[in-house]
Amino acid sequence: MKKNHISVAELSARLKLIRQEHGITQKELAQALELNPATLSKFENGGMVNAAVLLDIICFFHEKYNLDTLLKSGNDDVIHDEIL
């Protein structure tokens, strides 16, 4: 049976990968989003589920990535191939 969604933990990991691929540190992204760096770290490592943080991060990267691909389940390598 094909999985049609991803978990928050998977999405957090994908967003962390995107941040790293852009060469942005947690501190830099936290500053851009006006977040405490510890809050971002907890989110990226699956320690905290916060819809506001998730939406802020997605919006930050929305121009660079196809969000449909980001939200698909499956191989994380797909992210690399779906840059707009």
N, C-alpha and C. Protein backbone atom coordinates (compact mmCIF):
# COMPACT_ATOMS: atom_id res chain seq x y z
N MET A 1 0.84 -1.19 0.00
CA MET A 1 0.00 0.00 0.00
C MET A 1 0.88 1.24 0.00
N LYS A 2 0.60 2.15 -0.91
CA LYS A 2 1.41 3.36 -1.04
C LYS A 2 1.02 4.38 0.03
N LYS A 3 2.02 4.94 0.65
CA LYS A 3 1.82 5.96 1.66
C LYS A 3 1.59 7.30 0.96
N ASN A 4 0.53 8.03 1.33
CA ASN A 4 0.17 9.27 0.66
C ASN A 4 0.54 10.52 1.42
N HIS A 5 1.20 10.38 2.54
CA HIS A 5 1.57 11.55 3.32
C HIS A 5 2.90 11.28 4.03
N ILE A 6 3.48 12.35 4.53
CA ILE A 6 4.72 12.19 5.29
C ILE A 6 4.46 12.65 6.72
N SER A 7 5.28 12.18 7.60
CA SER A 7 5.15 12.57 9.01
C SER A 7 5.80 13.94 9.23
N VAL A 8 5.49 14.53 10.34
CA VAL A 8 6.12 15.81 10.70
C VAL A 8 7.62 15.61 10.84
N ALA A 9 8.04 14.47 11.37
CA ALA A 9 9.48 14.19 11.52
C ALA A 9 10.16 14.14 10.15
N GLU A 10 9.51 13.51 9.17
CA GLU A 10 10.07 13.46 7.82
C GLU A 10 10.14 14.85 7.20
N LEU A 11 9.10 15.63 7.39
CA LEU A 11 9.07 16.99 6.85
C LEU A 11 10.14 17.85 7.51
N SER A 12 10.30 17.72 8.80
CA SER A 12 11.34 18.47 9.52
C SER A 12 12.71 18.12 8.97
N ALA A 13 12.96 16.84 8.73
CA ALA A 13 14.25 16.40 8.18
C ALA A 13 14.46 16.96 6.78
N ARG A 14 13.41 16.99 5.98
CA ARG A 14 13.54 17.53 4.62
C ARG A 14 13.82 19.03 4.65
N LEU A 15 13.15 19.74 5.52
CA LEU A 15 13.40 21.18 5.63
C LEU A 15 14.81 21.46 6.12
N LYS A 16 15.31 20.62 7.03
CA LYS A 16 16.69 20.76 7.50
C LYS A 16 17.65 20.55 6.33
N LEU A 17 17.39 19.54 5.51
CA LEU A 17 18.23 19.26 4.35
C LEU A 17 18.24 20.44 3.38
N ILE A 18 17.07 21.02 3.14
CA ILE A 18 16.99 22.18 2.25
C ILE A 18 17.82 23.33 2.81
N ARG A 19 17.70 23.57 4.10
CA ARG A 19 18.48 24.65 4.74
C ARG A 19 19.96 24.40 4.54
N GLN A 20 20.39 23.18 4.79
CA GLN A 20 21.81 22.84 4.67
C GLN A 20 22.28 22.96 3.23
N GLU A 21 21.46 22.54 2.28
CA GLU A 21 21.83 22.63 0.86
C GLU A 21 22.00 24.07 0.41
N HIS A 22 21.30 24.98 1.05
CA HIS A 22 21.43 26.40 0.73
C HIS A 22 22.57 27.06 1.50
N GLY A 23 23.24 26.29 2.34
CA GLY A 23 24.36 26.85 3.10
C GLY A 23 23.93 27.82 4.17
N ILE A 24 22.71 27.66 4.65
CA ILE A 24 22.19 28.54 5.69
C ILE A 24 22.32 27.83 7.03
N THR A 25 22.91 28.51 7.99
CA THR A 25 23.04 27.92 9.32
C THR A 25 21.71 28.02 10.06
N GLN A 26 21.59 27.22 11.11
CA GLN A 26 20.40 27.32 11.94
C GLN A 26 20.28 28.72 12.51
N LYS A 27 21.39 29.28 12.93
CA LYS A 27 21.37 30.62 13.51
C LYS A 27 20.88 31.65 12.50
N GLU A 28 21.35 31.56 11.26
CA GLU A 28 20.93 32.51 10.23
C GLU A 28 19.43 32.39 9.93
N LEU A 29 18.95 31.14 9.81
CA LEU A 29 17.53 30.95 9.54
C LEU A 29 16.68 31.40 10.73
N ALA A 30 17.14 31.09 11.92
CA ALA A 30 16.41 31.52 13.12
C ALA A 30 16.31 33.05 13.17
N GLN A 31 17.41 33.72 12.84
CA GLN A 31 17.38 35.19 12.83
C GLN A 31 16.41 35.71 11.77
N ALA A 32 16.44 35.11 10.58
CA ALA A 32 15.55 35.54 9.50
C ALA A 32 14.08 35.35 9.87
N LEU A 33 13.81 34.30 10.64
CA LEU A 33 12.43 33.99 11.05
C LEU A 33 12.07 34.57 12.41
N GLU A 34 13.03 35.26 13.01
CA GLU A 34 12.85 35.84 14.35
C GLU A 34 12.49 34.76 15.38
N LEU A 35 13.24 33.67 15.31
CA LEU A 35 13.07 32.55 16.24
C LEU A 35 14.30 32.40 17.11
N ASN A 36 14.14 31.78 18.24
CA ASN A 36 15.28 31.37 19.05
C ASN A 36 15.93 30.19 18.32
N PRO A 37 17.26 30.20 18.13
CA PRO A 37 17.92 29.08 17.46
C PRO A 37 17.62 27.72 18.09
N ALA A 38 17.42 27.67 19.39
CA ALA A 38 17.09 26.41 20.06
C ALA A 38 15.73 25.89 19.61
N THR A 39 14.80 26.79 19.34
CA THR A 39 13.47 26.40 18.86
C THR A 39 13.58 25.75 17.49
N LEU A 40 14.37 26.36 16.61
CA LEU A 40 14.58 25.79 15.28
C LEU A 40 15.27 24.45 15.36
N SER A 41 16.27 24.34 16.20
CA SER A 41 16.99 23.07 16.38
C SER A 41 16.04 21.97 16.84
N LYS A 42 15.22 22.26 17.82
CA LYS A 42 14.26 21.26 18.32
C LYS A 42 13.30 20.84 17.21
N PHE A 43 12.84 21.79 16.41
CA PHE A 43 11.93 21.47 15.32
C PHE A 43 12.61 20.56 14.31
N GLU A 44 13.82 20.93 13.89
CA GLU A 44 14.52 20.15 12.87
C GLU A 44 14.85 18.74 13.34
N ASN A 45 15.01 18.57 14.62
CA ASN A 45 15.37 17.26 15.15
C ASN A 45 14.16 16.48 15.67
N GLY A 46 12.97 16.95 15.33
CA GLY A 46 11.75 16.23 15.67
C GLY A 46 11.35 16.33 17.12
N GLY A 47 11.96 17.23 17.88
CA GLY A 47 11.65 17.36 19.28
C GLY A 47 10.48 18.27 19.59
N MET A 48 10.00 18.97 18.57
CA MET A 48 8.91 19.92 18.81
C MET A 48 8.07 20.04 17.55
N VAL A 49 6.79 19.95 17.69
CA VAL A 49 5.87 20.16 16.58
C VAL A 49 5.18 21.50 16.80
N ASN A 50 5.44 22.42 15.91
CA ASN A 50 4.87 23.76 16.03
C ASN A 50 4.47 24.21 14.64
N ALA A 51 3.17 24.32 14.40
CA ALA A 51 2.67 24.68 13.07
C ALA A 51 3.18 26.04 12.60
N ALA A 52 3.30 26.99 13.51
CA ALA A 52 3.77 28.32 13.14
C ALA A 52 5.21 28.27 12.63
N VAL A 53 6.06 27.49 13.31
CA VAL A 53 7.45 27.35 12.87
C VAL A 53 7.49 26.66 11.52
N LEU A 54 6.73 25.60 11.36
CA LEU A 54 6.68 24.87 10.10
C LEU A 54 6.27 25.80 8.96
N LEU A 55 5.22 26.56 9.14
CA LEU A 55 4.76 27.47 8.09
C LEU A 55 5.79 28.56 7.79
N ASP A 56 6.44 29.08 8.82
CA ASP A 56 7.47 30.10 8.60
C ASP A 56 8.61 29.56 7.75
N ILE A 57 9.04 28.34 8.03
CA ILE A 57 10.15 27.74 7.28
C ILE A 57 9.73 27.46 5.84
N ILE A 58 8.54 26.90 5.65
CA ILE A 58 8.07 26.63 4.29
C ILE A 58 7.97 27.93 3.49
N CYS A 59 7.43 28.97 4.10
CA CYS A 59 7.33 30.26 3.41
C CYS A 59 8.70 30.83 3.06
N PHE A 60 9.66 30.63 3.95
CA PHE A 60 11.01 31.14 3.71
C PHE A 60 11.60 30.53 2.44
N PHE A 61 11.32 29.24 2.20
CA PHE A 61 11.90 28.53 1.06
C PHE A 61 10.95 28.40 -0.13
N HIS A 62 9.76 28.98 -0.06
CA HIS A 62 8.73 28.73 -1.07
C HIS A 62 9.14 29.08 -2.49
N GLU A 63 10.00 30.04 -2.70
CA GLU A 63 10.38 30.43 -4.05
C GLU A 63 11.43 29.51 -4.65
N LYS A 64 12.10 28.72 -3.84
CA LYS A 64 13.19 27.90 -4.32
C LYS A 64 12.82 26.44 -4.58
N TYR A 65 11.77 25.97 -3.94
CA TYR A 65 11.39 24.56 -4.04
C TYR A 65 9.93 24.38 -4.37
N ASN A 66 9.65 23.32 -5.10
CA ASN A 66 8.29 22.92 -5.41
C ASN A 66 7.72 22.26 -4.16
N LEU A 67 6.78 22.89 -3.50
CA LEU A 67 6.26 22.38 -2.24
C LEU A 67 5.50 21.08 -2.41
N ASP A 68 4.94 20.82 -3.59
CA ASP A 68 4.29 19.54 -3.82
C ASP A 68 5.30 18.40 -3.65
N THR A 69 6.49 18.60 -4.17
CA THR A 69 7.54 17.58 -4.04
C THR A 69 7.98 17.46 -2.59
N LEU A 70 8.10 18.56 -1.91
CA LEU A 70 8.51 18.54 -0.52
C LEU A 70 7.55 17.72 0.33
N LEU A 71 6.27 17.81 0.02
CA LEU A 71 5.26 17.15 0.83
C LEU A 71 4.98 15.71 0.42
N LYS A 72 5.53 15.26 -0.71
CA LYS A 72 5.31 13.87 -1.14
C LYS A 72 6.07 12.91 -0.26
N SER A 73 5.50 11.74 -0.10
CA SER A 73 6.24 10.69 0.60
C SER A 73 7.19 10.05 -0.39
N GLY A 74 8.18 9.39 0.13
CA GLY A 74 9.11 8.68 -0.74
C GLY A 74 10.53 9.10 -0.51
N ASN A 75 11.33 8.92 -1.54
CA ASN A 75 12.76 9.13 -1.49
C ASN A 75 13.11 10.60 -1.33
N ASP A 76 13.95 10.91 -0.36
CA ASP A 76 14.39 12.29 -0.15
C ASP A 76 15.21 12.84 -1.32
N ASP A 77 15.75 11.96 -2.16
CA ASP A 77 16.53 12.42 -3.31
C ASP A 77 15.68 13.22 -4.29
N VAL A 78 14.37 13.03 -4.25
CA VAL A 78 13.47 13.76 -5.14
C VAL A 78 13.60 15.26 -4.91
N ILE A 79 13.86 15.67 -3.70
CA ILE A 79 13.99 17.09 -3.37
C ILE A 79 15.05 17.74 -4.24
N HIS A 80 16.15 17.06 -4.45
CA HIS A 80 17.26 17.62 -5.21
C HIS A 80 16.88 17.86 -6.67
N ASP A 81 15.95 17.09 -7.20
CA ASP A 81 15.60 17.17 -8.61
C ASP A 81 14.43 18.10 -8.90
N GLU A 82 13.81 18.65 -7.89
CA GLU A 82 12.60 19.44 -8.10
C GLU A 82 12.79 20.92 -7.79
N ILE A 83 13.98 21.44 -8.00
CA ILE A 83 14.21 22.86 -7.81
C ILE A 83 13.52 23.60 -8.93
N LEU A 84 12.80 24.65 -8.60
CA LEU A 84 12.10 25.44 -9.62
C LEU A 84 13.04 26.29 -10.41
